[in-house]
Every structure is written in C-alpha cells, then in structure tokens.
Amino acid sequence: MRYLKVLIPVVLVAALGACAKPPQADIDAAKAAVAAAAQNADIVAYAADTLKTAQDKLTQMQTELDTKHYDKVKSLAIEAKAAAETAANDAAKGKERAQADSTTLIDSLKKALPDAEQKLTAAKKNRKLKLNFATFAKQLQDARAALADAQKDLDAGNFATALQKATAIQSQLTDGEKMIADAEAALKK
C-alpha cells in the first residue's frame, strides 16, 4: 500500500510529462501539406477558399502551440492537413468547371458578337437615334480583341483567366445592346 502512495504520483507526473510535448509529426505534416498546396498554381487559382481555410487552421495551430495547448494543436494540425488535401480535390473540380464554363461562354460570345455588330449596323440606319455609334463600335472592336485573348487563354489551359475575360466581354455586349434598346425606346416615346 505504501508503494502505491509513492507510485501513483510518479505515474501521474510521468503521464503529464508525456502530454507536455507538442505533436511534432502532426505539426510537420500539416505545415508541409499547406505549403505544398500554396505552391500549387491550380489550387491558388481554383480552390483559394479551401487553401485559405487550411492556412487559417495552420495559424490557429501555431497560436495553440505558442500557448502549449497541445491537444488542440494536434486536432488543428489534422484539420489543416485535411483542408490542404481537400484543396487539391477542389482545385481539380474547379478547373474542370472553369474549363467547361469558359468554353461554353466563349462559344456563345463568338455568336453574340456578330449579332451585336448587326444590331449596331441596323441602329446606324436610323438617323434619329441619339447614340454615340463610334463609342459602341470601339467597344465591339475591343470586345473582338478581348475574345481572341480569352480564346488564347482557353487554349493555353488558363481557364480561370479565360472565364474572367469572357464574362467581362459578355457584360460589355449586354451594356451595348441595352444602350441601343434604350435609345430606340426613347425614340418611340
């Protein structure tokens, strides 16, 4: 019995001492996974939110490490590593989606641009329209050049950039067509 009174505190101190070490393997794995994800251009382009989650978990892990809350450090390290791995999957899906979306949008713009040019030509025939045709013609010329750039980006595999450019072109065409429609509506009043 007497040995138990001495043995129990020794075991407790030894157990507490074992818990007082940071989970270095988990910390290193988390840091490596997040660093690798941050270096991956596809993850940066197509899964930035998931990467940010992984980086935030890593920051929280470091805070807990500084305050020696090693149980929280371990769980945050595991979460950071998992988020970094998820970012790779999200990037692959995002890239696929951006490729499909940019291809579809660029194809539709190739059809919409000549339609917009025809609407401009038709609008020019109506001398009563109060519209700055030169500005609109310049916008269409710029849209055609931007569409060629978007196609180059698509062909080069820069799907996010191609989609961004195609979306801007679509907005330009929509704005131009609205200008013509508004001018025609004002003329009818």
C-alpha atoms as a PDB file:
ATOM      1  CA  MET A   1       0.000   0.000   0.000  1.00  0.00           C
ATOM      2  CA  ARG A   2       2.798   2.290   0.887  1.00  0.00           C
ATOM      3  CA  TYR A   3       4.418   1.743  -2.531  1.00  0.00           C
ATOM      4  CA  LEU A   4       1.156   2.705  -4.232  1.00  0.00           C
ATOM      5  CA  LYS A   5       1.156   6.086  -2.496  1.00  0.00           C
ATOM      6  CA  VAL A   6       4.578   6.766  -3.961  1.00  0.00           C
ATOM      7  CA  LEU A   7       3.971   5.058  -7.301  1.00  0.00           C
ATOM      8  CA  ILE A   8       0.721   6.875  -8.221  1.00  0.00           C
ATOM      9  CA  PRO A   9       2.198  10.398  -8.069  1.00  0.00           C
ATOM     10  CA  VAL A  10       5.228   9.246 -10.051  1.00  0.00           C
ATOM     11  CA  VAL A  11       2.995   7.734 -12.745  1.00  0.00           C
ATOM     12  CA  LEU A  12       0.866  10.901 -12.844  1.00  0.00           C
ATOM     13  CA  VAL A  13       3.921  13.116 -13.228  1.00  0.00           C
ATOM     14  CA  ALA A  14       5.277  10.866 -15.969  1.00  0.00           C
ATOM     15  CA  ALA A  15       1.912  10.919 -17.774  1.00  0.00           C
ATOM     16  CA  LEU A  16       1.690  14.691 -17.560  1.00  0.00           C
ATOM     17  CA  GLY A  17       5.253  14.973 -18.814  1.00  0.00           C
ATOM     18  CA  ALA A  18       4.387  12.825 -21.829  1.00  0.00           C
ATOM     19  CA  CYS A  19       1.452  15.108 -22.666  1.00  0.00           C
ATOM     20  CA  ALA A  20       3.626  18.170 -22.410  1.00  0.00           C
ATOM     21  CA  LYS A  21       5.339  17.537 -25.753  1.00  0.00           C
ATOM     22  CA  PRO A  22       3.977  19.005 -28.959  1.00  0.00           C
ATOM     23  CA  PRO A  23       2.791  16.523 -31.614  1.00  0.00           C
ATOM     24  CA  GLN A  24       5.716  17.351 -33.873  1.00  0.00           C
ATOM     25  CA  ALA A  25       4.923  14.769 -36.571  1.00  0.00           C
ATOM     26  CA  ASP A  26       1.399  16.183 -36.993  1.00  0.00           C
ATOM     27  CA  ILE A  27       2.708  19.752 -36.979  1.00  0.00           C
ATOM     28  CA  ASP A  28       5.310  18.982 -39.635  1.00  0.00           C
ATOM     29  CA  ALA A  29       2.795  17.110 -41.800  1.00  0.00           C
ATOM     30  CA  ALA A  30       0.325  19.990 -41.610  1.00  0.00           C
ATOM     31  CA  LYS A  31       2.940  22.600 -42.451  1.00  0.00           C
ATOM     32  CA  ALA A  32       4.229  20.555 -45.385  1.00  0.00           C
ATOM     33  CA  ALA A  33       0.734  19.918 -46.770  1.00  0.00           C
ATOM     34  CA  VAL A  34      -0.299  23.567 -46.543  1.00  0.00           C
ATOM     35  CA  ALA A  35       2.995  24.777 -48.020  1.00  0.00           C
ATOM     36  CA  ALA A  36       2.667  22.344 -50.935  1.00  0.00           C
ATOM     37  CA  ALA A  37      -0.922  23.457 -51.542  1.00  0.00           C
ATOM     38  CA  ALA A  38       0.120  27.124 -51.535  1.00  0.00           C
ATOM     39  CA  GLN A  39       2.755  26.358 -54.202  1.00  0.00           C
ATOM     40  CA  ASN A  40       0.239  24.623 -56.477  1.00  0.00           C
ATOM     41  CA  ALA A  41      -0.954  27.118 -59.103  1.00  0.00           C
ATOM     42  CA  ASP A  42      -4.197  25.220 -59.706  1.00  0.00           C
ATOM     43  CA  ILE A  43      -5.078  25.319 -56.022  1.00  0.00           C
ATOM     44  CA  VAL A  44      -4.335  29.043 -55.873  1.00  0.00           C
ATOM     45  CA  ALA A  45      -6.482  29.682 -58.972  1.00  0.00           C
ATOM     46  CA  TYR A  46      -9.368  27.269 -58.432  1.00  0.00           C
ATOM     47  CA  ALA A  47      -9.549  26.500 -54.706  1.00  0.00           C
ATOM     48  CA  ALA A  48      -8.412  29.678 -52.994  1.00  0.00           C
ATOM     49  CA  ASP A  49     -11.124  29.463 -50.320  1.00  0.00           C
ATOM     50  CA  THR A  50     -10.168  25.943 -49.299  1.00  0.00           C
ATOM     51  CA  LEU A  51      -6.498  26.926 -49.250  1.00  0.00           C
ATOM     52  CA  LYS A  52      -7.344  29.878 -47.016  1.00  0.00           C
ATOM     53  CA  THR A  53      -9.173  27.532 -44.642  1.00  0.00           C
ATOM     54  CA  ALA A  54      -6.064  25.334 -44.441  1.00  0.00           C
ATOM     55  CA  GLN A  55      -3.847  28.374 -43.830  1.00  0.00           C
ATOM     56  CA  ASP A  56      -6.216  29.676 -41.144  1.00  0.00           C
ATOM     57  CA  LYS A  57      -6.130  26.296 -39.370  1.00  0.00           C
ATOM     58  CA  LEU A  58      -2.343  26.400 -39.511  1.00  0.00           C
ATOM     59  CA  THR A  59      -2.355  29.886 -37.960  1.00  0.00           C
ATOM     60  CA  GLN A  60      -4.711  28.716 -35.211  1.00  0.00           C
ATOM     61  CA  MET A  61      -2.472  25.704 -34.662  1.00  0.00           C
ATOM     62  CA  GLN A  62       0.542  27.975 -34.198  1.00  0.00           C
ATOM     63  CA  THR A  63      -1.377  30.092 -31.685  1.00  0.00           C
ATOM     64  CA  GLU A  64      -2.297  26.996 -29.692  1.00  0.00           C
ATOM     65  CA  LEU A  65       1.284  25.744 -29.950  1.00  0.00           C
ATOM     66  CA  ASP A  66       2.551  29.030 -28.519  1.00  0.00           C
ATOM     67  CA  THR A  67       0.178  28.647 -25.561  1.00  0.00           C
ATOM     68  CA  LYS A  68       1.127  24.945 -25.189  1.00  0.00           C
ATOM     69  CA  HIS A  69      -2.394  23.596 -25.735  1.00  0.00           C
ATOM     70  CA  TYR A  70      -1.035  20.504 -27.415  1.00  0.00           C
ATOM     71  CA  ASP A  71      -4.341  18.639 -27.585  1.00  0.00           C
ATOM     72  CA  LYS A  72      -5.771  21.482 -29.679  1.00  0.00           C
ATOM     73  CA  VAL A  73      -2.537  21.667 -31.695  1.00  0.00           C
ATOM     74  CA  LYS A  74      -2.931  18.052 -32.764  1.00  0.00           C
ATOM     75  CA  SER A  75      -6.557  18.443 -33.875  1.00  0.00           C
ATOM     76  CA  LEU A  76      -5.832  21.705 -35.715  1.00  0.00           C
ATOM     77  CA  ALA A  77      -2.819  20.132 -37.436  1.00  0.00           C
ATOM     78  CA  ILE A  78      -5.001  17.270 -38.624  1.00  0.00           C
ATOM     79  CA  GLU A  79      -7.667  19.741 -39.812  1.00  0.00           C
ATOM     80  CA  ALA A  80      -5.096  21.896 -41.631  1.00  0.00           C
ATOM     81  CA  LYS A  81      -3.638  18.880 -43.413  1.00  0.00           C
ATOM     82  CA  ALA A  82      -7.113  17.640 -44.365  1.00  0.00           C
ATOM     83  CA  ALA A  83      -8.080  21.073 -45.701  1.00  0.00           C
ATOM     84  CA  ALA A  84      -4.884  21.208 -47.777  1.00  0.00           C
ATOM     85  CA  GLU A  85      -5.695  17.807 -49.236  1.00  0.00           C
ATOM     86  CA  THR A  86      -9.285  18.889 -49.895  1.00  0.00           C
ATOM     87  CA  ALA A  87      -7.939  21.956 -51.702  1.00  0.00           C
ATOM     88  CA  ALA A  88      -6.301  19.682 -54.273  1.00  0.00           C
ATOM     89  CA  ASN A  89      -9.614  17.944 -54.947  1.00  0.00           C
ATOM     90  CA  ASP A  90     -11.485  21.252 -55.032  1.00  0.00           C
ATOM     91  CA  ALA A  91      -8.919  22.652 -57.471  1.00  0.00           C
ATOM     92  CA  ALA A  92      -9.376  19.744 -59.864  1.00  0.00           C
ATOM     93  CA  LYS A  93     -13.156  20.164 -59.791  1.00  0.00           C
ATOM     94  CA  GLY A  94     -12.900  23.964 -60.061  1.00  0.00           C
ATOM     95  CA  LYS A  95     -10.542  23.725 -63.015  1.00  0.00           C
ATOM     96  CA  GLU A  96     -12.875  21.320 -64.777  1.00  0.00           C
ATOM     97  CA  ARG A  97     -15.843  23.609 -64.123  1.00  0.00           C
ATOM     98  CA  ALA A  98     -13.910  26.700 -65.294  1.00  0.00           C
ATOM     99  CA  GLN A  99     -12.883  24.893 -68.467  1.00  0.00           C
ATOM    100  CA  ALA A 100     -16.475  23.921 -69.255  1.00  0.00           C
ATOM    101  CA  ASP A 101     -17.858  27.355 -68.346  1.00  0.00           C
ATOM    102  CA  SER A 102     -15.230  29.296 -70.291  1.00  0.00           C
ATOM    103  CA  THR A 103     -15.613  27.053 -73.345  1.00  0.00           C
ATOM    104  CA  THR A 104     -19.388  27.475 -73.323  1.00  0.00           C
ATOM    105  CA  LEU A 105     -19.237  31.225 -72.773  1.00  0.00           C
ATOM    106  CA  ILE A 106     -16.569  31.841 -75.423  1.00  0.00           C
ATOM    107  CA  ASP A 107     -18.540  29.780 -77.942  1.00  0.00           C
ATOM    108  CA  SER A 108     -21.677  31.784 -77.201  1.00  0.00           C
ATOM    109  CA  LEU A 109     -19.751  35.067 -77.472  1.00  0.00           C
ATOM    110  CA  LYS A 110     -18.460  34.061 -80.899  1.00  0.00           C
ATOM    111  CA  LYS A 111     -22.112  34.005 -81.972  1.00  0.00           C
ATOM    112  CA  ALA A 112     -23.196  37.043 -79.947  1.00  0.00           C
ATOM    113  CA  LEU A 113     -20.505  39.389 -81.264  1.00  0.00           C
ATOM    114  CA  PRO A 114     -21.667  39.306 -84.908  1.00  0.00           C
ATOM    115  CA  ASP A 115     -25.250  39.734 -83.663  1.00  0.00           C
ATOM    116  CA  ALA A 116     -24.205  42.851 -81.736  1.00  0.00           C
ATOM    117  CA  GLU A 117     -22.420  44.178 -84.817  1.00  0.00           C
ATOM    118  CA  GLN A 118     -25.587  43.649 -86.873  1.00  0.00           C
ATOM    119  CA  LYS A 119     -27.645  45.493 -84.266  1.00  0.00           C
ATOM    120  CA  LEU A 120     -25.185  48.382 -84.445  1.00  0.00           C
ATOM    121  CA  THR A 121     -25.378  48.446 -88.236  1.00  0.00           C
ATOM    122  CA  ALA A 122     -29.182  48.439 -88.078  1.00  0.00           C
ATOM    123  CA  ALA A 123     -29.193  51.173 -85.445  1.00  0.00           C
ATOM    124  CA  LYS A 124     -26.883  53.359 -87.585  1.00  0.00           C
ATOM    125  CA  LYS A 125     -29.513  53.357 -90.325  1.00  0.00           C
ATOM    126  CA  ASN A 126     -31.927  55.172 -88.040  1.00  0.00           C
ATOM    127  CA  ARG A 127     -30.607  58.741 -88.110  1.00  0.00           C
ATOM    128  CA  LYS A 128     -32.994  59.825 -85.352  1.00  0.00           C
ATOM    129  CA  LEU A 129     -31.325  57.621 -82.736  1.00  0.00           C
ATOM    130  CA  LYS A 130     -29.305  59.578 -80.232  1.00  0.00           C
ATOM    131  CA  LEU A 131     -26.453  57.193 -79.776  1.00  0.00           C
ATOM    132  CA  ASN A 132     -22.696  57.552 -79.904  1.00  0.00           C
ATOM    133  CA  PHE A 133     -22.066  54.971 -82.625  1.00  0.00           C
ATOM    134  CA  ALA A 134     -18.304  55.492 -82.604  1.00  0.00           C
ATOM    135  CA  THR A 135     -18.084  54.580 -78.914  1.00  0.00           C
ATOM    136  CA  PHE A 136     -20.201  51.494 -79.388  1.00  0.00           C
ATOM    137  CA  ALA A 137     -18.214  50.456 -82.479  1.00  0.00           C
ATOM    138  CA  LYS A 138     -14.983  50.843 -80.453  1.00  0.00           C
ATOM    139  CA  GLN A 139     -16.454  48.704 -77.680  1.00  0.00           C
ATOM    140  CA  LEU A 140     -17.255  45.989 -80.196  1.00  0.00           C
ATOM    141  CA  GLN A 141     -13.748  46.184 -81.652  1.00  0.00           C
ATOM    142  CA  ASP A 142     -12.269  45.902 -78.144  1.00  0.00           C
ATOM    143  CA  ALA A 143     -14.624  43.002 -77.387  1.00  0.00           C
ATOM    144  CA  ARG A 144     -13.448  41.169 -80.507  1.00  0.00           C
ATOM    145  CA  ALA A 145      -9.788  41.593 -79.451  1.00  0.00           C
ATOM    146  CA  ALA A 146     -10.587  40.538 -75.883  1.00  0.00           C
ATOM    147  CA  LEU A 147     -12.423  37.488 -77.204  1.00  0.00           C
ATOM    148  CA  ALA A 148      -9.312  36.479 -79.139  1.00  0.00           C
ATOM    149  CA  ASP A 149      -7.276  36.865 -75.920  1.00  0.00           C
ATOM    150  CA  ALA A 150      -9.808  34.805 -73.981  1.00  0.00           C
ATOM    151  CA  GLN A 151      -9.593  32.085 -76.629  1.00  0.00           C
ATOM    152  CA  LYS A 152      -5.773  32.081 -76.317  1.00  0.00           C
ATOM    153  CA  ASP A 153      -6.083  31.700 -72.553  1.00  0.00           C
ATOM    154  CA  LEU A 154      -8.560  28.865 -73.004  1.00  0.00           C
ATOM    155  CA  ASP A 155      -6.254  27.116 -75.468  1.00  0.00           C
ATOM    156  CA  ALA A 156      -3.310  27.552 -73.070  1.00  0.00           C
ATOM    157  CA  GLY A 157      -5.255  25.994 -70.189  1.00  0.00           C
ATOM    158  CA  ASN A 158      -5.679  29.260 -68.267  1.00  0.00           C
ATOM    159  CA  PHE A 159      -9.364  28.566 -67.713  1.00  0.00           C
ATOM    160  CA  ALA A 160      -9.935  30.973 -64.820  1.00  0.00           C
ATOM    161  CA  THR A 161      -8.440  33.871 -66.792  1.00  0.00           C
ATOM    162  CA  ALA A 162     -10.371  32.898 -69.930  1.00  0.00           C
ATOM    163  CA  LEU A 163     -13.609  32.784 -67.957  1.00  0.00           C
ATOM    164  CA  GLN A 164     -12.905  36.155 -66.342  1.00  0.00           C
ATOM    165  CA  LYS A 165     -12.231  37.789 -69.722  1.00  0.00           C
ATOM    166  CA  ALA A 166     -15.254  36.149 -71.352  1.00  0.00           C
ATOM    167  CA  THR A 167     -17.501  37.318 -68.519  1.00  0.00           C
ATOM    168  CA  ALA A 168     -16.261  40.898 -68.976  1.00  0.00           C
ATOM    169  CA  ILE A 169     -16.942  40.698 -72.728  1.00  0.00           C
ATOM    170  CA  GLN A 170     -20.432  39.393 -72.084  1.00  0.00           C
ATOM    171  CA  SER A 171     -21.058  42.328 -69.771  1.00  0.00           C
ATOM    172  CA  GLN A 172     -19.799  44.771 -72.435  1.00  0.00           C
ATOM    173  CA  LEU A 173     -22.089  43.299 -75.072  1.00  0.00           C
ATOM    174  CA  THR A 174     -25.061  43.360 -72.733  1.00  0.00           C
ATOM    175  CA  ASP A 175     -24.387  47.006 -71.861  1.00  0.00           C
ATOM    176  CA  GLY A 176     -24.046  47.948 -75.543  1.00  0.00           C
ATOM    177  CA  GLU A 177     -27.244  46.204 -76.530  1.00  0.00           C
ATOM    178  CA  LYS A 178     -29.031  47.914 -73.635  1.00  0.00           C
ATOM    179  CA  MET A 179     -27.744  51.301 -74.888  1.00  0.00           C
ATOM    180  CA  ILE A 180     -29.271  50.624 -78.327  1.00  0.00           C
ATOM    181  CA  ALA A 181     -32.530  49.337 -76.840  1.00  0.00           C
ATOM    182  CA  ASP A 182     -32.792  52.368 -74.534  1.00  0.00           C
ATOM    183  CA  ALA A 183     -32.113  54.762 -77.428  1.00  0.00           C
ATOM    184  CA  GLU A 184     -34.786  53.048 -79.550  1.00  0.00           C
ATOM    185  CA  ALA A 185     -37.257  53.121 -76.659  1.00  0.00           C
ATOM    186  CA  ALA A 186     -36.590  56.844 -76.100  1.00  0.00           C
ATOM    187  CA  LEU A 187     -37.189  57.490 -79.795  1.00  0.00           C
ATOM    188  CA  LYS A 188     -40.580  55.755 -79.670  1.00  0.00           C
ATOM    189  CA  LYS A 189     -41.752  57.998 -76.823  1.00  0.00           C
END
